[in-house]
C-alpha cells in the first residue's frame, strides 16, 4: 500500500508540474483518448505543433499503431492490486485529470 501511495504522489506531481507549470503552450494528451481515437489525437498533436498533416503518412501510422515493439501481454495468475489500492489509483486519477481541466471519469474501480 505504501509503495502505491508513494508512486501515486510522484505521478501526480509530475503530471501537474508539466501540465500546469510549463511556461509555454501545453497540449495534454490523455492515454484513454489516444487509445480510443488515434487519428483524432494525432491530428490534434500535428495541429498543435503546426505541422501539416500528410494523409498518407497518417493512414500508415494508424494502420501500424500497434508497432513492432509492443510488449506481449502477460496474464497474471493473481491480482496485484487490492480493492483499496484500485480506489486510491482511481481517486488520484480523477483528481489529477480534474486539476488539468478534464472532469470526465472513465469508469470507477
Protein backbone atom coordinates (compact mmCIF):
# COMPACT_ATOMS: atom_id res chain seq x y z
CA UNK A 1 0.00 0.00 0.00
CA UNK A 2 2.83 2.40 0.87
CA UNK A 3 4.56 1.72 -2.47
CA UNK A 4 1.37 2.50 -4.44
CA UNK A 5 0.79 5.68 -2.44
CA UNK A 6 4.39 6.85 -2.98
CA UNK A 7 4.19 6.23 -6.73
CA UNK A 8 0.79 7.93 -6.96
CA UNK A 9 2.20 11.06 -5.35
CA UNK A 10 5.13 11.07 -7.78
CA UNK A 11 2.76 10.55 -10.74
CA UNK A 12 0.54 13.38 -9.53
CA UNK A 13 3.45 15.80 -9.05
CA UNK A 14 4.95 15.00 -12.45
CA UNK A 15 1.68 15.44 -14.33
CA UNK A 16 0.61 18.60 -12.52
CA UNK A 17 4.05 20.15 -12.81
CA UNK A 18 4.21 19.65 -16.57
CA UNK A 19 0.53 20.33 -17.15
CA UNK A 20 0.20 23.47 -15.06
CA UNK A 21 3.67 24.97 -14.63
CA UNK A 22 5.27 24.66 -18.05
CA UNK A 23 5.83 28.24 -19.25
CA UNK A 24 4.84 27.63 -22.87
CA UNK A 25 1.73 26.30 -24.52
CA UNK A 26 0.77 22.78 -23.50
CA UNK A 27 -1.38 20.17 -25.20
CA UNK A 28 -2.37 17.49 -22.74
CA UNK A 29 -2.87 14.09 -24.32
CA UNK A 30 -4.77 11.58 -22.24
CA UNK A 31 -3.86 7.96 -22.78
CA UNK A 32 -7.52 6.97 -23.00
CA UNK A 33 -8.07 9.43 -25.85
CA UNK A 34 -5.07 8.13 -27.73
CA UNK A 35 -6.32 4.56 -27.40
CA UNK A 36 -9.96 5.41 -28.17
CA UNK A 37 -9.30 7.70 -31.14
CA UNK A 38 -5.76 7.52 -32.51
CA UNK A 39 -6.49 9.52 -35.65
CA UNK A 40 -8.12 12.48 -33.89
CA UNK A 41 -5.40 12.57 -31.24
CA UNK A 42 -2.62 12.51 -33.86
CA UNK A 43 -4.37 15.27 -35.80
CA UNK A 44 -4.67 17.34 -32.61
CA UNK A 45 -0.94 16.90 -31.96
CA UNK A 46 0.02 17.85 -35.51
CA UNK A 47 -2.25 20.90 -35.38
CA UNK A 48 -0.80 21.92 -32.02
CA UNK A 49 2.76 21.85 -33.34
CA UNK A 50 1.56 23.48 -36.57
CA UNK A 51 2.81 20.61 -38.70
CA UNK A 52 0.95 19.89 -41.94
CA UNK A 53 -0.99 16.63 -41.97
CA UNK A 54 0.16 14.20 -44.64
CA UNK A 55 -2.89 11.96 -45.09
CA UNK A 56 -0.86 9.03 -46.46
CA UNK A 57 1.56 9.10 -43.52
CA UNK A 58 -1.31 9.49 -41.07
CA UNK A 59 -3.10 6.46 -42.53
CA UNK A 60 0.15 4.49 -42.33
CA UNK A 61 0.61 5.46 -38.68
CA UNK A 62 -2.94 4.37 -37.89
CA UNK A 63 -2.50 1.04 -39.68
CA UNK A 64 0.70 0.39 -37.75
CA UNK A 65 -0.43 1.81 -34.42
CA UNK A 66 0.43 -1.39 -32.58
CA UNK A 67 4.03 -1.15 -33.76
CA UNK A 68 6.68 -3.83 -33.75
CA UNK A 69 7.93 -3.09 -30.25
CA UNK A 70 4.74 -3.72 -28.33
CA UNK A 71 5.20 -5.94 -25.31
CA UNK A 72 3.38 -9.23 -25.24
CA UNK A 73 0.62 -9.32 -22.66
CA UNK A 74 1.41 -11.42 -19.66
CA UNK A 75 -1.53 -12.89 -17.87
CA UNK A 76 -1.04 -12.87 -14.14
CA UNK A 77 -2.42 -15.63 -12.02
CA UNK A 78 -3.01 -13.16 -9.18
CA UNK A 79 -4.39 -9.64 -8.71
CA UNK A 80 -1.51 -7.29 -7.79
CA UNK A 81 -3.80 -4.50 -6.51
CA UNK A 82 -6.20 -4.69 -3.62
CA UNK A 83 -9.62 -3.07 -3.88
CA UNK A 84 -8.44 -0.17 -1.73
CA UNK A 85 -5.37 0.33 -3.95
CA UNK A 86 -7.58 0.44 -7.03
CA UNK A 87 -9.80 3.01 -5.35
CA UNK A 88 -6.76 5.12 -4.43
CA UNK A 89 -5.49 4.98 -8.01
CA UNK A 90 -8.86 5.93 -9.49
CA UNK A 91 -9.39 8.73 -6.96
CA UNK A 92 -5.98 10.21 -7.74
CA UNK A 93 -6.54 9.90 -11.49
CA UNK A 94 -9.81 11.81 -11.20
CA UNK A 95 -8.17 14.49 -9.02
CA UNK A 96 -5.28 15.00 -11.45
CA UNK A 97 -7.49 14.96 -14.55
CA UNK A 98 -9.82 17.49 -12.93
CA UNK A 99 -6.91 19.75 -11.99
CA UNK A 100 -5.70 19.55 -15.59
CA UNK A 101 -9.13 20.58 -16.84
CA UNK A 102 -10.71 17.26 -17.59
CA UNK A 103 -13.53 16.18 -15.35
CA UNK A 104 -14.68 13.05 -17.10
CA UNK A 105 -14.06 9.82 -15.18
CA UNK A 106 -13.81 6.82 -17.50
CA UNK A 107 -15.01 4.20 -15.05
CA UNK A 108 -14.97 3.53 -11.36
CA UNK A 109 -13.00 0.66 -9.95
